């Protein structure tokens, strides 16, 4: 099975990224931040997308809810 990345959360403000990213790393979930560097150069045109491997998506959703960074309805 081929792995691909899925966006699990978006950020409008780059300052919010390190907190959530650190929390996910503490949970053992690798993340990739799409548009992070570009966002720093062109703020506020693009949202930053936190992406995880497709195999980690369900675990990542639960971790974001547990940490208070997302609500269950964010994933409907």
C-alpha atoms as a PDB file:
ATOM      1  CA  UNK A   1       0.000   0.000   0.000  1.00  0.00           C
ATOM      2  CA  UNK A   2       1.344   3.379  -0.990  1.00  0.00           C
ATOM      3  CA  UNK A   3       1.491   6.049   1.716  1.00  0.00           C
ATOM      4  CA  UNK A   4       0.333   9.565   1.005  1.00  0.00           C
ATOM      5  CA  UNK A   5      -0.186  12.653   3.144  1.00  0.00           C
ATOM      6  CA  UNK A   6      -3.563  13.953   4.305  1.00  0.00           C
ATOM      7  CA  UNK A   7      -4.289  17.394   5.734  1.00  0.00           C
ATOM      8  CA  UNK A   8      -5.529  16.992   9.289  1.00  0.00           C
ATOM      9  CA  UNK A   9      -5.553  20.653  10.398  1.00  0.00           C
ATOM     10  CA  UNK A  10      -5.063  24.099   8.869  1.00  0.00           C
ATOM     11  CA  UNK A  11      -3.597  27.194  10.474  1.00  0.00           C
ATOM     12  CA  UNK A  12      -4.111  30.819   9.496  1.00  0.00           C
ATOM     13  CA  UNK A  13      -1.374  32.062  11.831  1.00  0.00           C
ATOM     14  CA  UNK A  14       2.190  30.668  11.770  1.00  0.00           C
ATOM     15  CA  UNK A  15       2.565  31.300  15.518  1.00  0.00           C
ATOM     16  CA  UNK A  16       0.044  28.523  16.264  1.00  0.00           C
ATOM     17  CA  UNK A  17       2.024  25.860  14.415  1.00  0.00           C
ATOM     18  CA  UNK A  18       4.888  25.066  16.867  1.00  0.00           C
ATOM     19  CA  UNK A  19       2.545  24.347  19.784  1.00  0.00           C
ATOM     20  CA  UNK A  20       0.414  21.843  17.903  1.00  0.00           C
ATOM     21  CA  UNK A  21       3.380  20.366  16.059  1.00  0.00           C
ATOM     22  CA  UNK A  22       5.228  19.757  19.356  1.00  0.00           C
ATOM     23  CA  UNK A  23       2.150  18.113  20.848  1.00  0.00           C
ATOM     24  CA  UNK A  24       1.826  15.781  17.860  1.00  0.00           C
ATOM     25  CA  UNK A  25       5.506  14.855  18.083  1.00  0.00           C
ATOM     26  CA  UNK A  26       5.058  14.054  21.786  1.00  0.00           C
ATOM     27  CA  UNK A  27       2.297  11.654  20.715  1.00  0.00           C
ATOM     28  CA  UNK A  28       4.695  10.019  18.235  1.00  0.00           C
ATOM     29  CA  UNK A  29       2.940  11.361  15.136  1.00  0.00           C
ATOM     30  CA  UNK A  30       5.163  12.698  12.363  1.00  0.00           C
ATOM     31  CA  UNK A  31       3.821  15.818  10.704  1.00  0.00           C
ATOM     32  CA  UNK A  32       4.618  17.759   7.569  1.00  0.00           C
ATOM     33  CA  UNK A  33       3.723  21.442   7.340  1.00  0.00           C
ATOM     34  CA  UNK A  34       2.659  22.381   3.837  1.00  0.00           C
ATOM     35  CA  UNK A  35       3.030  26.101   2.988  1.00  0.00           C
ATOM     36  CA  UNK A  36       4.896  26.932   6.212  1.00  0.00           C
ATOM     37  CA  UNK A  37       7.917  28.527   4.557  1.00  0.00           C
ATOM     38  CA  UNK A  38       5.848  30.064   1.806  1.00  0.00           C
ATOM     39  CA  UNK A  39       3.410  31.429   4.385  1.00  0.00           C
ATOM     40  CA  UNK A  40       6.200  33.222   6.219  1.00  0.00           C
ATOM     41  CA  UNK A  41       7.062  35.007   2.994  1.00  0.00           C
ATOM     42  CA  UNK A  42       3.548  35.773   1.768  1.00  0.00           C
ATOM     43  CA  UNK A  43       1.474  35.980   4.950  1.00  0.00           C
ATOM     44  CA  UNK A  44      -1.617  35.956   5.005  1.00  0.00           C
ATOM     45  CA  UNK A  45      -2.354  34.535   1.541  1.00  0.00           C
ATOM     46  CA  UNK A  46      -2.084  30.809   2.263  1.00  0.00           C
ATOM     47  CA  UNK A  47      -3.134  28.680   5.201  1.00  0.00           C
ATOM     48  CA  UNK A  48      -0.549  26.304   6.625  1.00  0.00           C
ATOM     49  CA  UNK A  49      -1.659  22.689   6.328  1.00  0.00           C
ATOM     50  CA  UNK A  50      -0.605  20.114   8.920  1.00  0.00           C
ATOM     51  CA  UNK A  51      -0.375  16.837   7.075  1.00  0.00           C
ATOM     52  CA  UNK A  52       0.125  13.312   8.378  1.00  0.00           C
ATOM     53  CA  UNK A  53       0.646   9.950   6.730  1.00  0.00           C
ATOM     54  CA  UNK A  54      -2.608   8.329   5.665  1.00  0.00           C
ATOM     55  CA  UNK A  55      -1.917   5.483   8.111  1.00  0.00           C
ATOM     56  CA  UNK A  56      -1.677   7.990  11.009  1.00  0.00           C
ATOM     57  CA  UNK A  57      -4.787  10.019  10.133  1.00  0.00           C
ATOM     58  CA  UNK A  58      -7.197   8.465  12.656  1.00  0.00           C
ATOM     59  CA  UNK A  59      -4.620   8.622  15.465  1.00  0.00           C
ATOM     60  CA  UNK A  60      -3.847  12.245  14.573  1.00  0.00           C
ATOM     61  CA  UNK A  61      -7.542  13.204  14.687  1.00  0.00           C
ATOM     62  CA  UNK A  62      -7.909  11.677  18.149  1.00  0.00           C
ATOM     63  CA  UNK A  63      -4.747  13.411  19.369  1.00  0.00           C
ATOM     64  CA  UNK A  64      -5.908  16.817  18.125  1.00  0.00           C
ATOM     65  CA  UNK A  65      -9.263  16.395  19.867  1.00  0.00           C
ATOM     66  CA  UNK A  66      -7.613  15.121  23.062  1.00  0.00           C
ATOM     67  CA  UNK A  67      -5.219  18.081  23.079  1.00  0.00           C
ATOM     68  CA  UNK A  68      -8.054  20.577  22.605  1.00  0.00           C
ATOM     69  CA  UNK A  69      -6.770  21.749  19.226  1.00  0.00           C
ATOM     70  CA  UNK A  70      -9.800  20.463  17.300  1.00  0.00           C
ATOM     71  CA  UNK A  71     -13.389  19.422  17.921  1.00  0.00           C
ATOM     72  CA  UNK A  72     -15.000  16.179  16.690  1.00  0.00           C
ATOM     73  CA  UNK A  73     -17.197  18.168  14.302  1.00  0.00           C
ATOM     74  CA  UNK A  74     -14.068  19.485  12.559  1.00  0.00           C
ATOM     75  CA  UNK A  75     -13.666  16.035  10.989  1.00  0.00           C
ATOM     76  CA  UNK A  76     -17.178  15.400   9.683  1.00  0.00           C
END
